[in-house]
Amino acid sequence: MVGRAPLTGVLVKDALERPAVTVKISNTPDAHPHRGLAEADLVFVEPITGATTRLAAVFHSKLPAQVGPVRSLRPMDAALIGPTKGIIASTMADRWVLDYLDKAADLANLGSLRVPRGTYALDDGRRAPNHVFARPAKLLALTDRTEPPAPYFSYAADLAGSTAQVGGANARSVTVAYGGTSTATWTYDARSRRWLRGEKWSRHLIENGGQVAADNVIVLTAARDTSFARAKPSMTILDVFDASGPLKVFTGGKTATGHWTKAGPNDPFTFTAPDGGPLLLTPGMTWIECALTNTPVTVT
């Protein structure tokens, strides 16, 4: 029986009867090149301080042997990853963040100090704290969760039917100016019909795997969430539930605007196209650049 993978919309012959595994990944220059990232279905880019981002990579269609380097959780992981209802891997977090995630998110929170020794791998060739790597298969073996995730986005049957291709404008690149080394630029590659990611200081590289590429890039903007009393002033948290805001989607050399809405942390996003219908992506890998409403976004 042929169906579609819930997190990519790609046709698959076999049902993917397993939960999704999300890994929190460091994105500082000394954390590169990343390991296993090319196998992700979805990747969220989260601003965590004034000019630092962190990744939340969601794996379901494929499970690489190792992913990382792994870092800690942030409050907005509840809303971004809660809809997957799967597993989340990290190097833990402050106690109040862990308590919040455990209460708010429908996730198996399997941080490095909550699992048996050997579940995470240590790479002596990497300098701490960027030396911890998650093993998705071992994490799956520790949970009683069995259900696959529900579809996260809506997909067209193919590239030609995507919202950006049907009604969008031409685009060659998009830069999200997080600041410092975290500013990211995506450039369209007509040969592969994919978007290639670069950091301000380098191409975004994957260990033994070339440059990060995506079929869809979404730039989702949101206001700052100031409701967490224990958060340090330096911590950036986006208001991404019980909220709404604008977005831009980049698919196949074109871009379209849209609107997002989200209810509770475990409820899915609703992405709406300019005509009021669902915003349709092309089947494949999607990166979501989450940014504050005042973060400069430049499209050429």
Protein backbone atom coordinates (compact mmCIF):
# COMPACT_ATOMS: atom_id res chain seq x y z
CA MET A 1 0.00 0.00 0.00
CA VAL A 2 1.37 3.41 -1.00
CA GLY A 3 0.86 6.40 1.28
CA ARG A 4 2.60 9.65 2.16
CA ALA A 5 5.11 10.20 4.95
CA PRO A 6 3.37 12.44 7.50
CA LEU A 7 6.26 14.88 7.98
CA THR A 8 7.42 15.18 4.36
CA GLY A 9 4.44 14.36 2.14
CA VAL A 10 6.71 12.03 0.14
CA LEU A 11 5.18 8.84 -1.27
CA VAL A 12 6.23 5.75 0.68
CA LYS A 13 5.50 2.07 0.12
CA ASP A 14 5.62 1.00 3.75
CA ALA A 15 3.81 2.53 6.69
CA LEU A 16 6.14 4.37 9.06
CA GLU A 17 4.73 2.89 12.26
CA ARG A 18 7.01 4.56 14.76
CA PRO A 19 7.04 7.86 16.68
CA ALA A 20 9.12 10.81 15.59
CA VAL A 21 12.41 11.56 17.35
CA THR A 22 13.42 15.21 17.77
CA VAL A 23 17.00 16.12 18.65
CA LYS A 24 18.05 19.54 19.96
CA ILE A 25 21.25 20.52 18.16
CA SER A 26 23.88 23.16 18.85
CA ASN A 27 24.34 25.72 16.07
CA THR A 28 27.43 27.65 17.17
CA PRO A 29 30.39 27.63 14.74
CA ASP A 30 32.30 25.09 16.85
CA ALA A 31 29.35 22.66 16.57
CA HIS A 32 29.78 22.35 12.79
CA PRO A 33 29.76 20.22 10.72
CA HIS A 34 26.53 18.67 11.92
CA ARG A 35 26.02 14.92 12.03
CA GLY A 36 22.88 13.17 10.73
CA LEU A 37 21.07 16.39 9.90
CA ALA A 38 20.51 15.53 6.22
CA GLU A 39 18.15 12.72 7.27
CA ALA A 40 15.70 14.99 9.12
CA ASP A 41 12.13 15.49 7.91
CA LEU A 42 11.74 18.89 9.58
CA VAL A 43 14.23 21.28 11.14
CA PHE A 44 13.25 24.27 13.28
CA VAL A 45 15.74 27.09 13.79
CA GLU A 46 15.17 28.74 17.18
CA PRO A 47 16.73 32.01 18.34
CA ILE A 48 17.82 31.40 21.93
CA THR A 49 19.78 34.55 22.78
CA GLY A 50 20.45 37.86 21.06
CA ALA A 51 22.55 36.35 18.25
CA THR A 52 22.57 32.59 18.82
CA THR A 53 20.30 29.96 17.32
CA ARG A 54 19.68 26.31 18.10
CA LEU A 55 18.12 23.60 15.96
CA ALA A 56 15.30 21.17 16.67
CA ALA A 57 15.58 18.43 14.05
CA VAL A 58 12.68 15.97 13.69
CA PHE A 59 13.40 12.46 12.38
CA HIS A 60 10.74 10.03 11.26
CA SER A 61 11.15 8.86 7.66
CA LYS A 62 14.82 8.01 8.30
CA LEU A 63 16.77 7.33 11.47
CA PRO A 64 20.50 8.08 11.25
CA ALA A 65 22.83 6.22 13.59
CA GLN A 66 23.84 9.45 15.38
CA VAL A 67 22.63 13.05 15.44
CA GLY A 68 24.18 16.13 16.91
CA PRO A 69 25.98 17.65 18.63
CA VAL A 70 23.17 17.69 21.17
CA ARG A 71 22.35 20.65 23.41
CA SER A 72 19.67 21.70 25.89
CA LEU A 73 15.96 22.38 25.65
CA ARG A 74 14.23 25.74 25.48
CA PRO A 75 10.61 26.63 26.43
CA MET A 76 9.44 27.06 22.83
CA ASP A 77 10.26 23.39 22.13
CA ALA A 78 6.93 22.55 23.75
CA ALA A 79 4.94 24.36 21.08
CA LEU A 80 7.14 23.49 18.10
CA ILE A 81 7.59 19.79 18.87
CA GLY A 82 4.50 19.03 20.98
CA PRO A 83 2.36 18.33 17.88
CA THR A 84 4.61 15.39 16.94
CA LYS A 85 3.71 13.60 20.20
CA GLY A 86 6.97 11.70 19.98
CA ILE A 87 10.39 11.72 21.66
CA ILE A 88 12.66 14.68 22.30
CA ALA A 89 16.39 14.31 22.98
CA SER A 90 18.61 16.89 24.67
CA THR A 91 21.36 17.50 27.19
CA MET A 92 18.62 18.52 29.65
CA ALA A 93 17.95 22.15 30.71
CA ASP A 94 17.37 24.34 33.75
CA ARG A 95 14.93 22.72 36.16
CA TRP A 96 12.13 25.20 35.44
CA VAL A 97 12.43 24.54 31.69
CA LEU A 98 12.27 20.78 32.23
CA ASP A 99 9.26 21.14 34.53
CA TYR A 100 7.50 23.30 31.95
CA LEU A 101 8.22 20.89 29.07
CA ASP A 102 7.11 17.89 31.11
CA LYS A 103 3.84 19.61 31.99
CA ALA A 104 3.01 21.38 28.73
CA ALA A 105 4.26 19.09 25.96
CA ASP A 106 2.87 15.67 25.01
CA LEU A 107 6.38 14.29 24.51
CA ALA A 108 8.61 11.57 25.91
CA ASN A 109 11.31 13.87 27.28
CA LEU A 110 14.39 11.60 27.19
CA GLY A 111 17.24 13.92 28.05
CA SER A 112 20.76 12.63 28.55
CA LEU A 113 20.43 12.36 32.34
CA ARG A 114 17.12 10.48 32.15
CA VAL A 115 18.30 7.46 30.17
CA PRO A 116 20.76 4.58 30.69
CA ARG A 117 24.45 5.18 30.11
CA GLY A 118 25.33 4.63 26.45
CA THR A 119 22.06 5.91 25.04
CA TYR A 120 23.93 9.01 23.94
CA ALA A 121 27.39 8.75 22.40
CA LEU A 122 30.41 10.86 23.38
CA ASP A 123 32.82 11.81 20.60
CA ASP A 124 36.33 12.42 21.94
CA GLY A 125 37.18 14.14 18.68
CA ARG A 126 34.79 16.98 19.45
CA ARG A 127 35.36 19.59 22.14
CA ALA A 128 32.83 19.88 25.00
CA PRO A 129 30.04 20.85 25.16
CA ASN A 130 29.65 19.92 21.47
CA HIS A 131 30.69 16.28 21.90
CA VAL A 132 27.36 14.59 22.75
CA PHE A 133 25.41 12.76 20.02
CA ALA A 134 21.95 11.19 20.16
CA ARG A 135 21.22 7.66 18.94
CA PRO A 136 17.62 7.71 17.67
CA ALA A 137 17.19 3.93 17.58
CA LYS A 138 18.28 3.60 21.21
CA LEU A 139 15.87 6.36 22.22
CA LEU A 140 12.99 4.62 20.46
CA ALA A 141 13.76 1.43 22.37
CA LEU A 142 13.24 3.27 25.68
CA THR A 143 9.71 4.52 25.09
CA ASP A 144 6.31 2.86 25.05
CA ARG A 145 5.11 5.34 22.44
CA THR A 146 4.28 3.63 19.15
CA GLU A 147 2.08 6.04 17.19
CA PRO A 148 3.50 7.90 14.20
CA PRO A 149 3.05 11.68 14.11
CA ALA A 150 0.11 13.33 12.42
CA PRO A 151 0.93 15.38 9.30
CA TYR A 152 2.60 18.62 10.36
CA PHE A 153 2.02 20.56 7.11
CA SER A 154 -0.18 20.31 4.03
CA TYR A 155 1.46 19.17 0.81
CA ALA A 156 0.67 19.44 -2.87
CA ALA A 157 1.04 16.32 -5.00
CA ASP A 158 4.20 17.74 -6.54
CA LEU A 159 6.31 20.87 -6.91
CA ALA A 160 4.08 22.39 -9.60
CA GLY A 161 1.05 22.32 -7.31
CA SER A 162 2.69 24.05 -4.34
CA THR A 163 1.33 27.42 -3.23
CA ALA A 164 4.58 29.23 -4.03
CA GLN A 165 4.70 27.79 -7.55
CA VAL A 166 1.04 28.46 -8.31
CA GLY A 167 0.80 32.06 -7.12
CA GLY A 168 4.20 33.16 -5.84
CA ALA A 169 6.90 35.54 -7.04
CA ASN A 170 10.39 34.64 -8.22
CA ALA A 171 13.07 34.47 -5.50
CA ARG A 172 16.78 33.67 -5.58
CA SER A 173 17.68 34.02 -1.90
CA VAL A 174 16.39 34.85 1.55
CA THR A 175 18.47 36.10 4.49
CA VAL A 176 17.25 35.92 8.08
CA ALA A 177 19.40 38.38 10.05
CA TYR A 178 19.44 36.79 13.50
CA GLY A 179 22.70 38.66 14.12
CA GLY A 180 26.32 37.66 14.64
CA THR A 181 27.35 34.29 13.26
CA SER A 182 23.76 33.02 13.30
CA THR A 183 22.51 35.09 10.36
CA ALA A 184 21.40 32.56 7.74
CA THR A 185 21.03 32.82 3.97
CA TRP A 186 19.21 30.33 1.76
CA THR A 187 20.07 30.36 -1.95
CA TYR A 188 18.05 28.60 -4.63
CA ASP A 189 19.91 25.99 -6.68
CA ALA A 190 18.09 25.57 -9.99
CA ARG A 191 19.94 22.36 -10.86
CA SER A 192 18.70 20.44 -7.83
CA ARG A 193 15.55 22.59 -7.41
CA ARG A 194 16.40 22.86 -3.72
CA TRP A 195 17.43 25.65 -1.34
CA LEU A 196 20.97 25.62 0.07
CA ARG A 197 21.71 27.02 3.53
CA GLY A 198 24.67 29.12 4.54
CA GLU A 199 25.66 30.67 7.84
CA LYS A 200 27.22 34.14 7.84
CA TRP A 201 30.67 32.59 8.23
CA SER A 202 30.40 29.48 6.04
CA ARG A 203 28.24 27.18 3.99
CA HIS A 204 26.12 25.10 6.39
CA LEU A 205 27.83 21.73 6.13
CA ILE A 206 26.89 18.23 7.20
CA GLU A 207 29.58 15.78 8.26
CA ASN A 208 30.44 13.65 5.21
CA GLY A 209 27.34 14.95 3.47
CA GLY A 210 27.86 18.27 1.74
CA GLN A 211 25.73 21.37 2.27
CA VAL A 212 22.36 21.58 4.03
CA ALA A 213 19.55 21.59 1.46
CA ALA A 214 15.77 21.79 1.76
CA ASP A 215 12.78 21.47 -0.56
CA ASN A 216 10.83 24.08 1.40
CA VAL A 217 12.03 26.94 3.58
CA ILE A 218 9.55 28.71 5.84
CA VAL A 219 10.34 31.96 7.63
CA LEU A 220 7.85 32.19 10.51
CA THR A 221 7.83 35.40 12.56
CA ALA A 222 6.38 35.82 16.04
CA ALA A 223 6.39 38.25 18.93
CA ARG A 224 8.59 37.77 21.99
CA ASP A 225 7.05 35.76 24.82
CA THR A 226 7.69 37.48 28.15
CA SER A 227 5.40 35.27 30.26
CA PHE A 228 8.17 33.07 31.72
CA ALA A 229 9.09 34.77 35.00
CA ARG A 230 12.21 32.63 35.53
CA ALA A 231 13.68 33.23 32.09
CA LYS A 232 16.85 35.33 32.08
CA PRO A 233 16.60 38.64 30.20
CA SER A 234 19.11 37.29 27.68
CA MET A 235 16.90 34.30 26.75
CA THR A 236 14.87 34.71 23.56
CA ILE A 237 11.49 32.94 23.60
CA LEU A 238 8.99 33.28 20.76
CA ASP A 239 5.24 33.39 21.36
CA VAL A 240 4.18 30.49 19.15
CA PHE A 241 0.98 29.16 20.74
CA ASP A 242 -2.37 30.80 21.39
CA ALA A 243 -1.00 33.19 18.80
CA SER A 244 -0.77 33.98 15.10
CA GLY A 245 1.46 35.82 12.68
CA PRO A 246 2.86 36.11 9.15
CA LEU A 247 5.14 33.77 7.28
CA LYS A 248 6.98 33.44 4.00
CA VAL A 249 7.45 30.15 2.18
CA PHE A 250 10.16 29.41 -0.40
CA THR A 251 9.69 26.50 -2.77
CA GLY A 252 11.25 25.79 -6.15
CA GLY A 253 12.63 29.25 -6.87
CA LYS A 254 9.49 31.09 -5.83
CA THR A 255 8.13 32.65 -2.64
CA ALA A 256 4.65 33.27 -1.28
CA THR A 257 3.35 34.94 1.84
CA GLY A 258 1.00 33.28 4.28
CA HIS A 259 -0.40 33.36 7.81
CA TRP A 260 0.03 30.99 10.73
CA THR A 261 -2.20 30.32 13.71
CA LYS A 262 -1.75 27.92 16.61
CA ALA A 263 -3.84 27.04 19.64
CA GLY A 264 -2.23 25.06 22.50
CA PRO A 265 1.32 23.65 22.61
CA ASN A 266 0.25 20.22 21.33
CA ASP A 267 -2.11 21.53 18.66
CA PRO A 268 -0.85 21.74 15.07
CA PHE A 269 -0.07 24.95 13.24
CA THR A 270 -2.53 26.08 10.61
CA PHE A 271 -0.83 27.67 7.61
CA THR A 272 -3.11 29.71 5.37
CA ALA A 273 -2.33 30.89 1.84
CA PRO A 274 -3.21 34.41 0.62
CA ASP A 275 -6.45 33.10 -0.95
CA GLY A 276 -7.62 31.76 2.41
CA GLY A 277 -6.97 28.12 1.54
CA PRO A 278 -4.32 25.84 3.01
CA LEU A 279 -0.72 26.70 2.22
CA LEU A 280 0.67 23.75 0.26
CA LEU A 281 4.32 22.74 0.33
CA THR A 282 6.15 20.53 -2.14
CA PRO A 283 6.83 17.02 -0.83
CA GLY A 284 10.23 16.79 0.83
CA MET A 285 12.37 18.21 3.61
CA THR A 286 11.31 21.49 5.25
CA TRP A 287 13.30 23.95 7.33
CA ILE A 288 11.43 26.48 9.47
CA GLU A 289 13.37 29.61 10.39
CA CYS A 290 11.63 31.03 13.48
CA ALA A 291 12.34 34.73 14.01
CA LEU A 292 11.19 37.68 16.05
CA THR A 293 8.88 40.12 14.29
CA ASN A 294 11.65 42.74 14.22
CA THR A 295 14.28 40.41 12.74
CA PRO A 296 15.26 41.71 9.29
CA VAL A 297 14.32 39.30 6.47
CA THR A 298 15.70 40.13 3.01
CA VAL A 299 14.44 38.45 -0.15
CA THR A 300 16.10 38.84 -3.55
